[in-house]
């Protein structure tokens, strides 16, 4: 029986929280730069805005929990055809990594959907 390949840990974190050594490679997955945050304070290794939800989907969702299930479905459909997903997989395959997002809601944001999408393979 073949042994499953080890996947480096993938974390999700709000970009406004202080960076930590345990974050590993820090990847911002928002289309827009977080308000009021300097590049130095953000400590971002990669800003992969191309993997974020489209502007139309982001505006439609508007971080409203009642739109969550439909947002997940639509965003996963966008990810299926998104060439930036390959770049993201390569970046997180090198070691521990953290997907960073700016939203206040820690459970209803694109980084949650993205992490689940990547875990599915």
C-alpha atoms as a PDB file:
ATOM      1  CA  UNK A   1       0.000   0.000   0.000  1.00  0.00           C
ATOM      2  CA  UNK A   2       1.402   3.391  -1.032  1.00  0.00           C
ATOM      3  CA  UNK A   3       2.079   5.922   1.667  1.00  0.00           C
ATOM      4  CA  UNK A   4       0.184   9.211   1.282  1.00  0.00           C
ATOM      5  CA  UNK A   5       2.367  12.159   0.361  1.00  0.00           C
ATOM      6  CA  UNK A   6       2.963  14.548   3.230  1.00  0.00           C
ATOM      7  CA  UNK A   7       1.406  17.961   2.667  1.00  0.00           C
ATOM      8  CA  UNK A   8       2.956  20.956   4.409  1.00  0.00           C
ATOM      9  CA  UNK A   9       0.591  22.706   6.825  1.00  0.00           C
ATOM     10  CA  UNK A  10      -1.696  25.354   5.320  1.00  0.00           C
ATOM     11  CA  UNK A  11      -3.087  27.953   7.670  1.00  0.00           C
ATOM     12  CA  UNK A  12      -5.611  30.761   7.259  1.00  0.00           C
ATOM     13  CA  UNK A  13      -5.133  34.078   9.018  1.00  0.00           C
ATOM     14  CA  UNK A  14      -6.438  37.609   8.937  1.00  0.00           C
ATOM     15  CA  UNK A  15      -3.750  39.826   7.402  1.00  0.00           C
ATOM     16  CA  UNK A  16      -4.179  42.450  10.136  1.00  0.00           C
ATOM     17  CA  UNK A  17      -2.902  40.037  12.800  1.00  0.00           C
ATOM     18  CA  UNK A  18       0.836  40.172  13.529  1.00  0.00           C
ATOM     19  CA  UNK A  19       3.017  37.877  11.452  1.00  0.00           C
ATOM     20  CA  UNK A  20       4.537  34.884  13.210  1.00  0.00           C
ATOM     21  CA  UNK A  21       7.365  32.516  12.368  1.00  0.00           C
ATOM     22  CA  UNK A  22       4.827  29.661  12.296  1.00  0.00           C
ATOM     23  CA  UNK A  23       3.043  31.365   9.367  1.00  0.00           C
ATOM     24  CA  UNK A  24       5.680  30.138   6.972  1.00  0.00           C
ATOM     25  CA  UNK A  25       5.172  31.529   3.457  1.00  0.00           C
ATOM     26  CA  UNK A  26       2.573  34.332   3.716  1.00  0.00           C
ATOM     27  CA  UNK A  27       0.233  34.626   0.715  1.00  0.00           C
ATOM     28  CA  UNK A  28      -2.359  37.389   0.421  1.00  0.00           C
ATOM     29  CA  UNK A  29      -5.385  36.026  -1.473  1.00  0.00           C
ATOM     30  CA  UNK A  30      -7.423  39.260  -1.654  1.00  0.00           C
ATOM     31  CA  UNK A  31      -7.975  41.130  -4.913  1.00  0.00           C
ATOM     32  CA  UNK A  32      -7.668  44.485  -3.116  1.00  0.00           C
ATOM     33  CA  UNK A  33      -4.849  45.578  -0.823  1.00  0.00           C
ATOM     34  CA  UNK A  34      -6.036  45.686   2.836  1.00  0.00           C
ATOM     35  CA  UNK A  35      -6.999  49.191   3.966  1.00  0.00           C
ATOM     36  CA  UNK A  36      -4.598  51.023   6.221  1.00  0.00           C
ATOM     37  CA  UNK A  37      -1.941  48.318   6.139  1.00  0.00           C
ATOM     38  CA  UNK A  38       1.599  49.067   5.005  1.00  0.00           C
ATOM     39  CA  UNK A  39       3.516  46.527   2.948  1.00  0.00           C
ATOM     40  CA  UNK A  40       6.118  46.304   5.714  1.00  0.00           C
ATOM     41  CA  UNK A  41       3.572  45.579   8.430  1.00  0.00           C
ATOM     42  CA  UNK A  42       1.738  43.033   6.235  1.00  0.00           C
ATOM     43  CA  UNK A  43       4.944  40.997   5.776  1.00  0.00           C
ATOM     44  CA  UNK A  44       3.580  39.359   2.613  1.00  0.00           C
ATOM     45  CA  UNK A  45       5.727  36.942   0.618  1.00  0.00           C
ATOM     46  CA  UNK A  46       3.301  36.725  -2.309  1.00  0.00           C
ATOM     47  CA  UNK A  47       0.221  38.721  -3.279  1.00  0.00           C
ATOM     48  CA  UNK A  48      -1.748  36.408  -5.538  1.00  0.00           C
ATOM     49  CA  UNK A  49      -4.743  38.615  -6.323  1.00  0.00           C
ATOM     50  CA  UNK A  50      -5.513  36.561  -9.447  1.00  0.00           C
ATOM     51  CA  UNK A  51      -6.725  33.671  -7.241  1.00  0.00           C
ATOM     52  CA  UNK A  52      -9.228  35.883  -5.403  1.00  0.00           C
ATOM     53  CA  UNK A  53     -12.915  35.903  -6.329  1.00  0.00           C
ATOM     54  CA  UNK A  54     -13.804  37.994  -9.370  1.00  0.00           C
ATOM     55  CA  UNK A  55     -14.869  41.573  -8.705  1.00  0.00           C
ATOM     56  CA  UNK A  56     -18.444  40.695  -9.663  1.00  0.00           C
ATOM     57  CA  UNK A  57     -18.582  37.764  -7.225  1.00  0.00           C
ATOM     58  CA  UNK A  58     -16.869  39.716  -4.440  1.00  0.00           C
ATOM     59  CA  UNK A  59     -19.358  42.577  -4.778  1.00  0.00           C
ATOM     60  CA  UNK A  60     -22.330  40.190  -4.950  1.00  0.00           C
ATOM     61  CA  UNK A  61     -21.264  38.277  -1.818  1.00  0.00           C
ATOM     62  CA  UNK A  62     -20.511  41.454   0.153  1.00  0.00           C
ATOM     63  CA  UNK A  63     -19.499  39.217   3.107  1.00  0.00           C
ATOM     64  CA  UNK A  64     -23.132  38.510   3.953  1.00  0.00           C
ATOM     65  CA  UNK A  65     -23.513  35.149   5.700  1.00  0.00           C
ATOM     66  CA  UNK A  66     -26.854  34.412   4.011  1.00  0.00           C
ATOM     67  CA  UNK A  67     -25.010  34.351   0.648  1.00  0.00           C
ATOM     68  CA  UNK A  68     -22.297  31.985   1.935  1.00  0.00           C
ATOM     69  CA  UNK A  69     -23.395  28.668   0.391  1.00  0.00           C
ATOM     70  CA  UNK A  70     -23.948  30.206  -3.031  1.00  0.00           C
ATOM     71  CA  UNK A  71     -20.681  32.159  -2.770  1.00  0.00           C
ATOM     72  CA  UNK A  72     -18.776  28.934  -2.050  1.00  0.00           C
ATOM     73  CA  UNK A  73     -20.338  27.239  -5.088  1.00  0.00           C
ATOM     74  CA  UNK A  74     -19.642  30.162  -7.423  1.00  0.00           C
ATOM     75  CA  UNK A  75     -16.100  30.737  -6.173  1.00  0.00           C
ATOM     76  CA  UNK A  76     -15.180  27.054  -6.519  1.00  0.00           C
ATOM     77  CA  UNK A  77     -16.479  27.205 -10.103  1.00  0.00           C
ATOM     78  CA  UNK A  78     -14.183  30.189 -10.739  1.00  0.00           C
ATOM     79  CA  UNK A  79     -11.241  28.328  -9.198  1.00  0.00           C
ATOM     80  CA  UNK A  80     -11.732  25.345 -11.519  1.00  0.00           C
ATOM     81  CA  UNK A  81     -10.728  27.512 -14.495  1.00  0.00           C
ATOM     82  CA  UNK A  82      -8.213  29.760 -12.724  1.00  0.00           C
ATOM     83  CA  UNK A  83      -4.607  29.427 -13.909  1.00  0.00           C
ATOM     84  CA  UNK A  84      -3.356  31.118 -10.702  1.00  0.00           C
ATOM     85  CA  UNK A  85      -4.360  28.020  -8.695  1.00  0.00           C
ATOM     86  CA  UNK A  86      -1.336  26.182 -10.122  1.00  0.00           C
ATOM     87  CA  UNK A  87       0.951  29.002  -8.969  1.00  0.00           C
ATOM     88  CA  UNK A  88      -0.654  28.858  -5.523  1.00  0.00           C
ATOM     89  CA  UNK A  89      -0.245  25.071  -5.295  1.00  0.00           C
ATOM     90  CA  UNK A  90       3.439  25.444  -6.178  1.00  0.00           C
ATOM     91  CA  UNK A  91       3.931  28.166  -3.558  1.00  0.00           C
ATOM     92  CA  UNK A  92       2.286  26.203  -0.747  1.00  0.00           C
ATOM     93  CA  UNK A  93       3.997  22.962  -1.715  1.00  0.00           C
ATOM     94  CA  UNK A  94       7.387  24.162  -0.520  1.00  0.00           C
ATOM     95  CA  UNK A  95       6.611  24.189   3.193  1.00  0.00           C
ATOM     96  CA  UNK A  96       4.312  25.711   5.793  1.00  0.00           C
ATOM     97  CA  UNK A  97       2.154  28.495   4.342  1.00  0.00           C
ATOM     98  CA  UNK A  98      -0.600  30.840   5.420  1.00  0.00           C
ATOM     99  CA  UNK A  99      -3.407  32.204   3.262  1.00  0.00           C
ATOM    100  CA  UNK A 100      -4.044  35.797   4.316  1.00  0.00           C
ATOM    101  CA  UNK A 101      -7.318  37.679   3.932  1.00  0.00           C
ATOM    102  CA  UNK A 102      -8.613  41.076   5.021  1.00  0.00           C
ATOM    103  CA  UNK A 103     -12.253  40.317   5.842  1.00  0.00           C
ATOM    104  CA  UNK A 104     -13.480  40.732   9.419  1.00  0.00           C
ATOM    105  CA  UNK A 105     -15.499  37.500   9.253  1.00  0.00           C
ATOM    106  CA  UNK A 106     -13.142  34.626  10.032  1.00  0.00           C
ATOM    107  CA  UNK A 107     -15.508  31.871   8.873  1.00  0.00           C
ATOM    108  CA  UNK A 108     -17.147  33.407   5.782  1.00  0.00           C
ATOM    109  CA  UNK A 109     -14.314  34.528   3.499  1.00  0.00           C
ATOM    110  CA  UNK A 110     -12.567  33.410   0.331  1.00  0.00           C
ATOM    111  CA  UNK A 111      -9.507  32.012   2.144  1.00  0.00           C
ATOM    112  CA  UNK A 112     -11.726  29.404   3.835  1.00  0.00           C
ATOM    113  CA  UNK A 113     -13.154  28.313   0.471  1.00  0.00           C
ATOM    114  CA  UNK A 114      -9.735  28.373  -1.140  1.00  0.00           C
ATOM    115  CA  UNK A 115      -8.147  26.198   1.581  1.00  0.00           C
ATOM    116  CA  UNK A 116     -10.974  23.654   1.277  1.00  0.00           C
ATOM    117  CA  UNK A 117     -10.646  23.669  -2.526  1.00  0.00           C
ATOM    118  CA  UNK A 118      -6.889  23.027  -2.295  1.00  0.00           C
ATOM    119  CA  UNK A 119      -7.393  20.234   0.258  1.00  0.00           C
ATOM    120  CA  UNK A 120      -9.695  18.409  -2.176  1.00  0.00           C
ATOM    121  CA  UNK A 121      -6.756  18.078  -4.524  1.00  0.00           C
END
